[in-house]
């Protein structure tokens, strides 16, 4: 039977290759969409870990992922917040979301107070000296091949790179807060305030506050995240199911006489079903291997051409994607297998 299965696949190489590729595409779709969506989520969390804040005060209801909101709070509020018990540093920040070649948050910061939260680690250059100076992180510099002194278009104005820093400070581009406010026509305003405390007795509270903020960056708390993920995965499953179903149904119809010969030699219904499902399983296994390998190659390629892009392929999703693809393939082949098993051997032998 094993030789028969392999022989059937080799005898129809084009169909076998197309079927395996259909399963591979299903795997790539599932893993890629999950990697992109979870990559954005986890990337946003990681990008905020190096700011050094313990608490955040935000005047409006802004998105946890984008950290955007109208700059409606006077910067002077920072002075009042600084008088609160245990508050050591308050840093006002303005945030602008830009959509171009990629989607990024631009932070307008007061360098002294923002650096006081947790100091920037400069790979080269240093702090702002001029109103149109720009600080970027090293991932941004690597992805765009930028260096100190290069001009960069930010908010429709030309800025010049004065410093390149390690990532994790909340954004990839930083400009002076006063400059952002002036360009926005909204001087002396901030969108949010980062606070750092200094009392050891508040450690548990600080952790709870920080965890509460980061807890907002989970699929369960982001509207439509799971819905979007399930819709795309559902489409991928349907594609894989239909590809396997069509391939195996056509194969069964073409092999009617072969099935009649097997039955005349004593093969039972279980044997016929087993042949079709094992053949499908072998095709699906090849497709799964190709799909997983292609996904990791895609991850490596994207990391090279776009280092700032978050693409998170996890073992959990690999296992889930493989399981979905294999189960969908076997279900897609089940009806053709049962149809083959029900064929009358006399009719099958007389089939032309």
Protein backbone atom coordinates (compact mmCIF):
# COMPACT_ATOMS: atom_id res chain seq x y z
CA UNK A 1 0.00 0.00 0.00
CA UNK A 2 2.85 2.40 0.83
CA UNK A 3 4.39 1.82 -2.62
CA UNK A 4 0.98 2.41 -4.19
CA UNK A 5 0.56 5.72 -2.36
CA UNK A 6 4.00 7.00 -3.33
CA UNK A 7 3.49 5.75 -6.89
CA UNK A 8 0.20 7.66 -7.20
CA UNK A 9 1.83 10.87 -6.06
CA UNK A 10 4.83 10.46 -8.37
CA UNK A 11 2.59 9.51 -11.31
CA UNK A 12 0.78 12.87 -11.00
CA UNK A 13 3.64 15.22 -10.06
CA UNK A 14 2.02 18.52 -11.04
CA UNK A 15 -1.13 17.87 -9.05
CA UNK A 16 0.90 16.66 -6.08
CA UNK A 17 3.08 19.79 -6.15
CA UNK A 18 0.09 22.14 -6.47
CA UNK A 19 -1.73 20.42 -3.59
CA UNK A 20 1.33 20.59 -1.34
CA UNK A 21 1.82 24.26 -2.25
CA UNK A 22 -1.83 24.99 -1.38
CA UNK A 23 -1.23 23.58 2.11
CA UNK A 24 2.02 25.55 2.34
CA UNK A 25 0.22 28.78 1.42
CA UNK A 26 -2.39 28.04 4.09
CA UNK A 27 0.39 27.67 6.68
CA UNK A 28 2.13 30.86 5.51
CA UNK A 29 -1.13 32.83 5.70
CA UNK A 30 -1.92 31.62 9.22
CA UNK A 31 1.56 32.14 10.63
CA UNK A 32 2.22 35.44 8.82
CA UNK A 33 -0.97 37.20 9.89
CA UNK A 34 -0.48 36.00 13.47
CA UNK A 35 3.19 37.05 13.37
CA UNK A 36 2.35 40.53 12.09
CA UNK A 37 -0.52 41.17 14.50
CA UNK A 38 1.24 39.79 17.57
CA UNK A 39 4.47 41.41 16.41
CA UNK A 40 2.83 44.84 16.42
CA UNK A 41 1.36 44.12 19.84
CA UNK A 42 4.56 42.81 21.42
CA UNK A 43 6.67 45.39 19.62
CA UNK A 44 4.61 48.19 21.12
CA UNK A 45 5.09 46.71 24.59
CA UNK A 46 8.83 46.24 24.09
CA UNK A 47 9.23 49.74 22.71
CA UNK A 48 7.90 51.19 25.96
CA UNK A 49 10.00 49.15 28.39
CA UNK A 50 13.03 51.46 28.28
CA UNK A 51 11.24 54.74 29.00
CA UNK A 52 11.72 54.41 32.75
CA UNK A 53 8.26 55.53 33.82
CA UNK A 54 6.36 54.20 36.81
CA UNK A 55 3.10 55.98 36.12
CA UNK A 56 1.48 57.76 33.22
CA UNK A 57 -1.00 60.62 33.29
CA UNK A 58 -2.98 61.07 30.11
CA UNK A 59 -5.68 63.74 29.80
CA UNK A 60 -7.67 62.01 27.05
CA UNK A 61 -8.73 58.50 26.18
CA UNK A 62 -5.94 57.51 23.82
CA UNK A 63 -5.01 54.20 22.32
CA UNK A 64 -2.59 52.05 24.31
CA UNK A 65 -0.95 50.83 21.12
CA UNK A 66 -0.55 54.15 19.35
CA UNK A 67 -0.20 56.26 22.52
CA UNK A 68 -1.86 59.08 20.65
CA UNK A 69 -4.14 61.79 21.85
CA UNK A 70 -4.69 65.47 21.37
CA UNK A 71 -2.12 67.65 23.14
CA UNK A 72 -4.73 69.27 25.36
CA UNK A 73 -2.95 69.48 28.71
CA UNK A 74 -0.75 72.48 29.58
CA UNK A 75 2.91 71.56 30.04
CA UNK A 76 2.73 73.52 33.29
CA UNK A 77 0.78 70.62 34.80
CA UNK A 78 4.13 68.83 35.06
CA UNK A 79 5.06 71.22 37.86
CA UNK A 80 1.96 70.35 39.84
CA UNK A 81 2.41 66.63 39.26
CA UNK A 82 5.99 66.95 40.51
CA UNK A 83 4.65 68.08 43.90
CA UNK A 84 2.79 64.80 44.43
CA UNK A 85 4.20 62.49 47.14
CA UNK A 86 7.02 60.21 45.97
CA UNK A 87 7.10 61.74 42.46
CA UNK A 88 10.69 62.38 41.45
CA UNK A 89 10.49 63.09 37.71
CA UNK A 90 7.65 64.30 35.46
CA UNK A 91 8.19 64.47 31.73
CA UNK A 92 5.61 66.04 29.38
CA UNK A 93 5.35 64.39 25.96
CA UNK A 94 3.49 65.20 22.77
CA UNK A 95 2.79 62.40 20.28
CA UNK A 96 2.04 62.45 16.58
CA UNK A 97 1.11 59.43 14.50
CA UNK A 98 2.62 59.51 11.00
CA UNK A 99 1.57 57.29 8.12
CA UNK A 100 3.92 57.01 5.18
CA UNK A 101 6.24 54.21 4.13
CA UNK A 102 5.51 52.88 7.62
CA UNK A 103 3.33 53.78 10.58
CA UNK A 104 5.21 55.46 13.44
CA UNK A 105 4.72 57.56 16.52
CA UNK A 106 6.85 60.70 16.71
CA UNK A 107 7.56 61.84 20.28
CA UNK A 108 7.96 65.51 21.09
CA UNK A 109 9.94 65.54 24.34
CA UNK A 110 11.54 67.82 26.84
CA UNK A 111 14.94 66.15 26.63
CA UNK A 112 16.13 66.90 30.17
CA UNK A 113 13.08 65.46 31.95
CA UNK A 114 12.62 62.56 29.51
CA UNK A 115 16.25 61.60 29.87
CA UNK A 116 15.85 61.81 33.66
CA UNK A 117 13.24 59.02 33.56
CA UNK A 118 15.94 56.68 32.27
CA UNK A 119 18.94 58.06 30.38
CA UNK A 120 19.21 57.62 26.64
CA UNK A 121 22.06 55.36 25.58
CA UNK A 122 23.67 57.08 22.61
CA UNK A 123 25.40 54.98 19.96
CA UNK A 124 26.54 58.23 18.34
CA UNK A 125 25.80 61.95 18.55
CA UNK A 126 24.04 63.54 21.50
CA UNK A 127 21.04 65.58 22.74
CA UNK A 128 19.12 68.31 20.91
CA UNK A 129 21.02 71.55 20.31
CA UNK A 130 18.80 73.18 17.69
CA UNK A 131 14.99 73.37 17.33
CA UNK A 132 15.03 71.09 14.28
CA UNK A 133 17.34 68.43 15.68
CA UNK A 134 16.17 64.82 15.59
CA UNK A 135 17.05 61.76 17.67
CA UNK A 136 16.38 58.31 16.20
CA UNK A 137 16.98 54.79 17.48
CA UNK A 138 19.53 52.46 15.92
CA UNK A 139 16.88 50.25 14.30
CA UNK A 140 15.51 53.24 12.43
CA UNK A 141 19.04 54.28 11.45
CA UNK A 142 19.89 50.78 10.21
CA UNK A 143 16.66 50.34 8.23
CA UNK A 144 17.03 53.71 6.44
CA UNK A 145 20.87 53.79 6.34
CA UNK A 146 20.93 57.07 8.28
CA UNK A 147 23.81 58.72 10.13
CA UNK A 148 24.50 61.82 12.19
CA UNK A 149 23.80 65.02 10.25
CA UNK A 150 21.49 63.44 7.67
CA UNK A 151 18.29 65.35 6.86
CA UNK A 152 15.01 63.55 7.57
CA UNK A 153 11.49 64.68 6.69
CA UNK A 154 9.35 64.71 9.85
CA UNK A 155 5.87 66.26 10.04
CA UNK A 156 6.45 67.86 6.62
CA UNK A 157 9.58 69.67 7.86
CA UNK A 158 13.26 68.88 7.49
CA UNK A 159 15.05 67.80 10.66
CA UNK A 160 18.69 66.84 11.07
CA UNK A 161 19.84 63.79 13.01
CA UNK A 162 21.78 64.82 16.11
CA UNK A 163 21.76 61.48 17.95
CA UNK A 164 21.29 57.74 17.44
CA UNK A 165 20.19 55.81 20.54
CA UNK A 166 19.37 52.29 21.63
CA UNK A 167 15.70 51.29 21.09
CA UNK A 168 12.99 50.87 23.71
CA UNK A 169 12.34 54.52 24.57
CA UNK A 170 8.72 54.61 23.41
CA UNK A 171 9.27 55.78 19.81
CA UNK A 172 11.86 55.60 17.06
CA UNK A 173 11.98 59.35 16.39
CA UNK A 174 12.21 62.19 18.90
CA UNK A 175 12.05 65.94 18.31
CA UNK A 176 11.98 68.85 20.80
CA UNK A 177 8.58 69.29 22.47
CA UNK A 178 8.55 73.05 21.79
CA UNK A 179 9.19 72.45 18.09
CA UNK A 180 6.36 69.92 17.80
CA UNK A 181 3.97 72.26 19.61
CA UNK A 182 4.92 75.14 17.33
CA UNK A 183 4.40 73.03 14.21
CA UNK A 184 1.09 71.88 15.65
CA UNK A 185 0.03 75.44 16.36
CA UNK A 186 -0.59 74.42 19.96
CA UNK A 187 2.27 75.86 22.06
CA UNK A 188 2.81 74.83 25.65
CA UNK A 189 0.70 71.67 25.44
CA UNK A 190 1.33 67.96 26.04
CA UNK A 191 -0.57 64.76 25.28
CA UNK A 192 0.69 62.76 28.27
CA UNK A 193 3.04 62.87 31.24
CA UNK A 194 5.44 60.14 32.30
CA UNK A 195 6.18 59.98 36.03
CA UNK A 196 8.95 58.30 37.98
CA UNK A 197 8.71 57.83 41.75
CA UNK A 198 11.45 57.29 44.30
CA UNK A 199 9.92 55.77 47.44
CA UNK A 200 10.86 52.11 47.98
CA UNK A 201 7.56 51.49 49.76
CA UNK A 202 5.69 52.16 46.53
CA UNK A 203 7.46 49.44 44.53
CA UNK A 204 4.44 47.13 44.55
CA UNK A 205 2.16 49.96 43.50
CA UNK A 206 4.52 50.98 40.70
CA UNK A 207 4.64 47.43 39.38
CA UNK A 208 0.87 47.16 39.54
CA UNK A 209 0.42 50.42 37.64
CA UNK A 210 2.93 49.46 34.98
CA UNK A 211 1.47 45.97 34.59
CA UNK A 212 -1.99 47.47 34.34
CA UNK A 213 -0.88 49.68 31.45
CA UNK A 214 0.91 46.84 29.66
CA UNK A 215 -2.03 44.55 30.35
CA UNK A 216 -3.99 46.75 27.97
CA UNK A 217 -1.75 45.49 25.19
CA UNK A 218 -3.29 42.03 25.03
CA UNK A 219 -5.57 40.54 22.36
CA UNK A 220 -8.47 40.23 24.79
CA UNK A 221 -8.45 43.98 25.50
CA UNK A 222 -7.99 45.27 21.96
CA UNK A 223 -11.24 45.58 19.97
CA UNK A 224 -11.52 43.36 16.88
CA UNK A 225 -8.00 41.87 17.34
CA UNK A 226 -9.20 38.30 17.79
CA UNK A 227 -12.03 38.80 15.29
CA UNK A 228 -9.63 39.91 12.57
CA UNK A 229 -7.23 37.09 13.36
CA UNK A 230 -9.99 34.47 13.25
CA UNK A 231 -11.41 35.80 9.97
CA UNK A 232 -8.04 35.56 8.20
CA UNK A 233 -7.32 32.12 9.66
CA UNK A 234 -10.81 30.98 8.65
CA UNK A 235 -10.16 32.10 5.06
CA UNK A 236 -6.84 30.24 5.07
CA UNK A 237 -8.54 27.07 6.33
CA UNK A 238 -11.19 27.28 3.59
CA UNK A 239 -8.48 27.71 0.93
CA UNK A 240 -6.59 24.66 2.19
CA UNK A 241 -9.78 22.60 2.56
CA UNK A 242 -11.00 23.37 -0.96
CA UNK A 243 -7.59 22.69 -2.52
CA UNK A 244 -7.32 19.27 -0.87
CA UNK A 245 -10.97 18.43 -1.56
CA UNK A 246 -10.71 19.27 -5.25
CA UNK A 247 -7.41 17.45 -5.67
CA UNK A 248 -8.47 14.26 -3.91
CA UNK A 249 -11.97 14.20 -5.45
CA UNK A 250 -10.47 14.45 -8.94
CA UNK A 251 -7.87 11.81 -8.05
CA UNK A 252 -10.59 9.40 -6.86
CA UNK A 253 -12.61 9.88 -10.05
CA UNK A 254 -9.53 9.24 -12.20
CA UNK A 255 -8.63 6.10 -10.23
CA UNK A 256 -12.05 4.42 -10.33
CA UNK A 257 -10.72 1.39 -12.19
CA UNK A 258 -7.73 1.15 -9.84
CA UNK A 259 -10.10 1.13 -6.86
CA UNK A 260 -12.12 -1.66 -8.51
CA UNK A 261 -8.95 -3.74 -8.91
CA UNK A 262 -8.05 -3.22 -5.25
CA UNK A 263 -11.52 -4.28 -4.14
CA UNK A 264 -11.48 -7.32 -6.39
CA UNK A 265 -8.21 -8.33 -4.71
CA UNK A 266 -9.85 -8.21 -1.29
CA UNK A 267 -9.32 -4.61 -0.15
CA UNK A 268 -12.10 -3.48 2.16
CA UNK A 269 -13.65 -0.06 2.65
CA UNK A 270 -11.23 0.77 5.45
CA UNK A 271 -8.27 -0.05 3.18
CA UNK A 272 -9.54 2.28 0.44
CA UNK A 273 -10.22 5.11 2.89
CA UNK A 274 -6.80 4.53 4.44
CA UNK A 275 -5.05 4.82 1.05
CA UNK A 276 -6.72 8.16 0.22
CA UNK A 277 -6.19 9.65 3.69
CA UNK A 278 -2.57 8.49 3.89
CA UNK A 279 -1.90 9.98 0.47
CA UNK A 280 -3.48 13.24 1.66
CA UNK A 281 -1.51 13.15 4.88
CA UNK A 282 1.75 12.78 2.99
CA UNK A 283 0.92 15.74 0.74
CA UNK A 284 -0.16 17.80 3.73
CA UNK A 285 3.04 16.95 5.63
CA UNK A 286 5.17 18.11 2.69
CA UNK A 287 3.07 21.28 2.46
CA UNK A 288 3.43 21.94 6.20
CA UNK A 289 7.22 21.59 6.05
CA UNK A 290 7.37 23.95 3.06
CA UNK A 291 5.01 26.44 4.71
CA UNK A 292 6.85 26.60 8.04
CA UNK A 293 10.23 26.87 6.31
CA UNK A 294 8.92 29.62 4.01
CA UNK A 295 7.51 31.55 6.98
CA UNK A 296 10.87 31.57 8.76
CA UNK A 297 12.58 32.59 5.51
CA UNK A 298 10.05 35.42 5.20
CA UNK A 299 10.82 36.47 8.77
CA UNK A 300 14.55 36.54 8.01
CA UNK A 301 13.97 38.50 4.79
CA UNK A 302 11.74 41.09 6.46
CA UNK A 303 14.23 41.50 9.30
CA UNK A 304 16.94 42.29 6.74
CA UNK A 305 14.98 44.73 4.59
CA UNK A 306 12.88 46.28 7.39
CA UNK A 307 14.53 45.86 10.81
CA UNK A 308 11.86 47.98 12.50
CA UNK A 309 9.03 45.69 11.40
CA UNK A 310 7.79 43.41 14.16
CA UNK A 311 7.22 39.84 12.88
CA UNK A 312 6.74 37.44 15.77
CA UNK A 313 6.65 33.73 14.84
CA UNK A 314 6.10 31.71 18.01
CA UNK A 315 6.28 27.92 18.58
CA UNK A 316 2.70 28.02 19.85
CA UNK A 317 1.39 29.46 16.61
CA UNK A 318 3.56 27.13 14.54
CA UNK A 319 2.05 24.14 16.35
CA UNK A 320 -1.47 25.59 15.99
CA UNK A 321 -0.99 26.35 12.29
CA UNK A 322 0.39 22.87 11.60
CA UNK A 323 -2.51 21.26 13.45
CA UNK A 324 -5.10 23.34 11.58
CA UNK A 325 -3.53 22.56 8.19
CA UNK A 326 -3.25 18.81 8.83
CA UNK A 327 -6.78 18.53 10.25
CA UNK A 328 -8.25 20.63 7.43
CA UNK A 329 -6.46 18.51 4.82
CA UNK A 330 -7.74 15.23 6.26
CA UNK A 331 -11.29 16.60 6.51
CA UNK A 332 -11.04 17.81 2.91
CA UNK A 333 -10.07 14.30 1.78
CA UNK A 334 -12.64 12.47 3.90
CA UNK A 335 -15.60 12.72 1.49
CA UNK A 336 -13.56 11.63 -1.58
CA UNK A 337 -12.18 8.75 0.51
CA UNK A 338 -15.66 7.61 1.58
CA UNK A 339 -16.93 7.97 -1.99
CA UNK A 340 -14.08 5.77 -3.21
CA UNK A 341 -14.80 3.19 -0.51
CA UNK A 342 -18.48 2.95 -1.54
CA UNK A 343 -17.76 2.18 -5.19
CA UNK A 344 -19.06 -1.14 -6.43
CA UNK A 345 -16.09 -3.25 -7.64
CA UNK A 346 -17.99 -4.53 -10.72
CA UNK A 347 -18.93 -1.00 -11.81
CA UNK A 348 -15.41 0.19 -11.06
CA UNK A 349 -13.78 -2.55 -13.17
CA UNK A 350 -16.08 -1.74 -16.12
CA UNK A 351 -15.34 2.00 -15.83
CA UNK A 352 -13.55 3.51 -18.83
